[in-house]
Amino acid sequence: MIRNKKIAQVFNDLDAYREFCKEFGYKFDEKDLYRRGTPYGQYERQKRNDPVLNHWVEDARYYQRPIEFA
């Protein structure tokens, strides 16, 4: 258990960002945390309910394969 709230928030943000990258097909890199011009910027857009490009869907269109969700 992390007692420092600021440190705990960084790890929580990192976990949420990693989940976003897995869900939307972005490359996950820890050093991009809190940087706008990276996939983290897309994560922030998704948190504001702005449209975000889903790379899994775009790849399926590009390669013309059906999407299978588990």
N, C-alpha and C. Protein backbone atom coordinates (compact mmCIF):
# COMPACT_ATOMS: atom_id res chain seq x y z
N MET A 1 0.84 -1.18 0.00
CA MET A 1 0.00 0.00 0.00
C MET A 1 0.89 1.25 0.00
N ILE A 2 0.58 2.16 -0.90
CA ILE A 2 1.34 3.40 -1.02
C ILE A 2 0.67 4.45 -0.15
N ARG A 3 1.42 5.04 0.75
CA ARG A 3 0.84 6.01 1.69
C ARG A 3 0.83 7.42 1.12
N ASN A 4 1.75 7.74 0.24
CA ASN A 4 1.80 9.07 -0.35
C ASN A 4 0.76 9.14 -1.46
N LYS A 5 -0.20 10.04 -1.33
CA LYS A 5 -1.32 10.11 -2.28
C LYS A 5 -0.87 10.52 -3.68
N LYS A 6 0.13 11.38 -3.79
CA LYS A 6 0.60 11.80 -5.11
C LYS A 6 1.26 10.65 -5.86
N ILE A 7 2.03 9.85 -5.15
CA ILE A 7 2.68 8.70 -5.77
C ILE A 7 1.64 7.66 -6.16
N ALA A 8 0.68 7.44 -5.29
CA ALA A 8 -0.39 6.49 -5.60
C ALA A 8 -1.17 6.93 -6.83
N GLN A 9 -1.40 8.24 -6.98
CA GLN A 9 -2.13 8.76 -8.14
C GLN A 9 -1.36 8.52 -9.43
N VAL A 10 -0.04 8.65 -9.39
CA VAL A 10 0.77 8.39 -10.58
C VAL A 10 0.62 6.94 -11.01
N PHE A 11 0.68 6.01 -10.06
CA PHE A 11 0.53 4.60 -10.41
C PHE A 11 -0.88 4.28 -10.89
N ASN A 12 -1.88 4.91 -10.31
CA ASN A 12 -3.26 4.71 -10.77
C ASN A 12 -3.44 5.25 -12.19
N ASP A 13 -2.86 6.42 -12.46
CA ASP A 13 -2.93 6.99 -13.81
C ASP A 13 -2.21 6.09 -14.81
N LEU A 14 -1.09 5.55 -14.40
CA LEU A 14 -0.32 4.67 -15.28
C LEU A 14 -1.11 3.40 -15.62
N ASP A 15 -1.77 2.83 -14.62
CA ASP A 15 -2.60 1.63 -14.86
C ASP A 15 -3.77 1.94 -15.79
N ALA A 16 -4.43 3.08 -15.57
CA ALA A 16 -5.56 3.45 -16.42
C ALA A 16 -5.10 3.72 -17.85
N TYR A 17 -3.96 4.36 -18.00
CA TYR A 17 -3.40 4.63 -19.33
C TYR A 17 -3.04 3.33 -20.05
N ARG A 18 -2.47 2.37 -19.33
CA ARG A 18 -2.14 1.08 -19.93
C ARG A 18 -3.40 0.35 -20.41
N GLU A 19 -4.45 0.40 -19.62
CA GLU A 19 -5.71 -0.23 -20.02
C GLU A 19 -6.29 0.45 -21.27
N PHE A 20 -6.20 1.77 -21.34
CA PHE A 20 -6.66 2.49 -22.52
C PHE A 20 -5.89 2.03 -23.76
N CYS A 21 -4.56 1.92 -23.62
CA CYS A 21 -3.73 1.51 -24.76
C CYS A 21 -4.11 0.10 -25.24
N LYS A 22 -4.38 -0.79 -24.31
CA LYS A 22 -4.79 -2.14 -24.70
C LYS A 22 -6.14 -2.13 -25.38
N GLU A 23 -7.06 -1.33 -24.87
CA GLU A 23 -8.42 -1.31 -25.42
C GLU A 23 -8.49 -0.66 -26.79
N PHE A 24 -7.71 0.37 -27.03
CA PHE A 24 -7.79 1.12 -28.28
C PHE A 24 -6.62 0.86 -29.23
N GLY A 25 -5.69 -0.02 -28.87
CA GLY A 25 -4.63 -0.41 -29.79
C GLY A 25 -3.49 0.58 -29.93
N TYR A 26 -3.23 1.36 -28.90
CA TYR A 26 -2.11 2.30 -28.93
C TYR A 26 -0.87 1.66 -28.31
N LYS A 27 0.29 2.17 -28.70
CA LYS A 27 1.54 1.69 -28.13
C LYS A 27 1.69 2.28 -26.73
N PHE A 28 1.91 1.42 -25.75
CA PHE A 28 2.06 1.86 -24.37
C PHE A 28 3.53 2.10 -24.05
N ASP A 29 3.81 3.26 -23.51
CA ASP A 29 5.16 3.59 -23.07
C ASP A 29 5.03 4.44 -21.81
N GLU A 30 5.65 4.00 -20.73
CA GLU A 30 5.51 4.69 -19.45
C GLU A 30 5.98 6.14 -19.51
N LYS A 31 6.99 6.41 -20.33
CA LYS A 31 7.54 7.77 -20.36
C LYS A 31 6.58 8.77 -21.00
N ASP A 32 5.52 8.30 -21.65
CA ASP A 32 4.55 9.20 -22.27
C ASP A 32 3.51 9.73 -21.28
N LEU A 33 3.54 9.25 -20.05
CA LEU A 33 2.55 9.67 -19.06
C LEU A 33 2.59 11.19 -18.89
N TYR A 34 1.43 11.82 -19.00
CA TYR A 34 1.21 13.26 -18.86
C TYR A 34 1.76 14.08 -20.03
N ARG A 35 2.08 13.46 -21.16
CA ARG A 35 2.54 14.19 -22.34
C ARG A 35 1.41 14.25 -23.36
N ARG A 36 1.12 15.42 -23.85
CA ARG A 36 -0.02 15.59 -24.75
C ARG A 36 0.18 15.03 -26.15
N GLY A 37 1.34 15.18 -26.73
CA GLY A 37 1.56 14.78 -28.12
C GLY A 37 1.82 13.29 -28.28
N THR A 38 1.35 12.51 -27.35
CA THR A 38 1.57 11.06 -27.35
C THR A 38 0.21 10.37 -27.23
N PRO A 39 0.19 9.05 -27.22
CA PRO A 39 -1.10 8.39 -26.99
C PRO A 39 -1.76 8.79 -25.67
N TYR A 40 -1.00 9.29 -24.71
CA TYR A 40 -1.61 9.77 -23.47
C TYR A 40 -2.56 10.94 -23.76
N GLY A 41 -2.23 11.76 -24.73
CA GLY A 41 -3.13 12.83 -25.14
C GLY A 41 -4.45 12.28 -25.64
N GLN A 42 -4.40 11.17 -26.35
CA GLN A 42 -5.64 10.52 -26.80
C GLN A 42 -6.42 9.96 -25.61
N TYR A 43 -5.70 9.45 -24.64
CA TYR A 43 -6.34 8.96 -23.42
C TYR A 43 -7.08 10.09 -22.72
N GLU A 44 -6.45 11.26 -22.64
CA GLU A 44 -7.11 12.41 -22.03
C GLU A 44 -8.36 12.81 -22.81
N ARG A 45 -8.29 12.73 -24.13
CA ARG A 45 -9.47 13.04 -24.96
C ARG A 45 -10.59 12.05 -24.65
N GLN A 46 -10.24 10.79 -24.51
CA GLN A 46 -11.24 9.76 -24.23
C GLN A 46 -11.88 10.01 -22.86
N LYS A 47 -11.11 10.47 -21.90
CA LYS A 47 -11.66 10.78 -20.58
C LYS A 47 -12.64 11.94 -20.65
N ARG A 48 -12.44 12.87 -21.61
CA ARG A 48 -13.36 13.99 -21.79
C ARG A 48 -14.54 13.63 -22.70
N ASN A 49 -14.63 12.37 -23.09
CA ASN A 49 -15.68 11.87 -23.99
C ASN A 49 -15.58 12.47 -25.39
N ASP A 50 -14.39 12.86 -25.79
CA ASP A 50 -14.14 13.28 -27.17
C ASP A 50 -13.87 12.03 -28.01
N PRO A 51 -14.13 12.08 -29.31
CA PRO A 51 -13.88 10.90 -30.14
C PRO A 51 -12.39 10.57 -30.21
N VAL A 52 -12.10 9.28 -30.15
CA VAL A 52 -10.73 8.77 -30.19
C VAL A 52 -10.66 7.69 -31.25
N LEU A 53 -9.59 7.68 -32.01
CA LEU A 53 -9.40 6.67 -33.04
C LEU A 53 -9.08 5.32 -32.40
N ASN A 54 -9.84 4.30 -32.78
CA ASN A 54 -9.59 2.96 -32.28
C ASN A 54 -8.73 2.23 -33.32
N HIS A 55 -7.49 1.98 -32.97
CA HIS A 55 -6.56 1.38 -33.92
C HIS A 55 -6.93 -0.06 -34.27
N TRP A 56 -7.58 -0.77 -33.36
CA TRP A 56 -7.99 -2.14 -33.68
C TRP A 56 -9.00 -2.14 -34.83
N VAL A 57 -9.94 -1.21 -34.80
CA VAL A 57 -10.96 -1.12 -35.85
C VAL A 57 -10.32 -0.67 -37.16
N GLU A 58 -9.43 0.31 -37.08
CA GLU A 58 -8.76 0.80 -38.29
C GLU A 58 -7.88 -0.28 -38.92
N ASP A 59 -7.19 -1.05 -38.11
CA ASP A 59 -6.38 -2.14 -38.65
C ASP A 59 -7.25 -3.20 -39.31
N ALA A 60 -8.39 -3.48 -38.71
CA ALA A 60 -9.30 -4.47 -39.30
C ALA A 60 -9.80 -3.98 -40.65
N ARG A 61 -10.10 -2.69 -40.76
CA ARG A 61 -10.53 -2.14 -42.04
C ARG A 61 -9.40 -2.20 -43.07
N TYR A 62 -8.21 -1.85 -42.63
CA TYR A 62 -7.07 -1.82 -43.53
C TYR A 62 -6.76 -3.22 -44.06
N TYR A 63 -6.78 -4.18 -43.18
CA TYR A 63 -6.46 -5.55 -43.58
C TYR A 63 -7.70 -6.34 -43.99
N GLN A 64 -8.85 -5.69 -43.94
CA GLN A 64 -10.13 -6.26 -44.37
C GLN A 64 -10.41 -7.59 -43.69
N ARG A 65 -10.27 -7.58 -42.37
CA ARG A 65 -10.58 -8.76 -41.56
C ARG A 65 -11.69 -8.41 -40.59
N PRO A 66 -12.55 -9.35 -40.30
CA PRO A 66 -13.61 -9.05 -39.32
C PRO A 66 -13.02 -8.93 -37.92
N ILE A 67 -13.65 -8.11 -37.12
CA ILE A 67 -13.21 -7.91 -35.74
C ILE A 67 -13.88 -8.95 -34.86
N GLU A 68 -13.09 -9.59 -34.02
CA GLU A 68 -13.63 -10.56 -33.07
C GLU A 68 -13.32 -10.06 -31.68
N PHE A 69 -14.37 -9.74 -30.94
CA PHE A 69 -14.20 -9.29 -29.57
C PHE A 69 -14.50 -10.46 -28.64
N ALA A 70 -13.70 -10.59 -27.62
CA ALA A 70 -13.89 -11.68 -26.67
C ALA A 70 -14.89 -11.31 -25.62
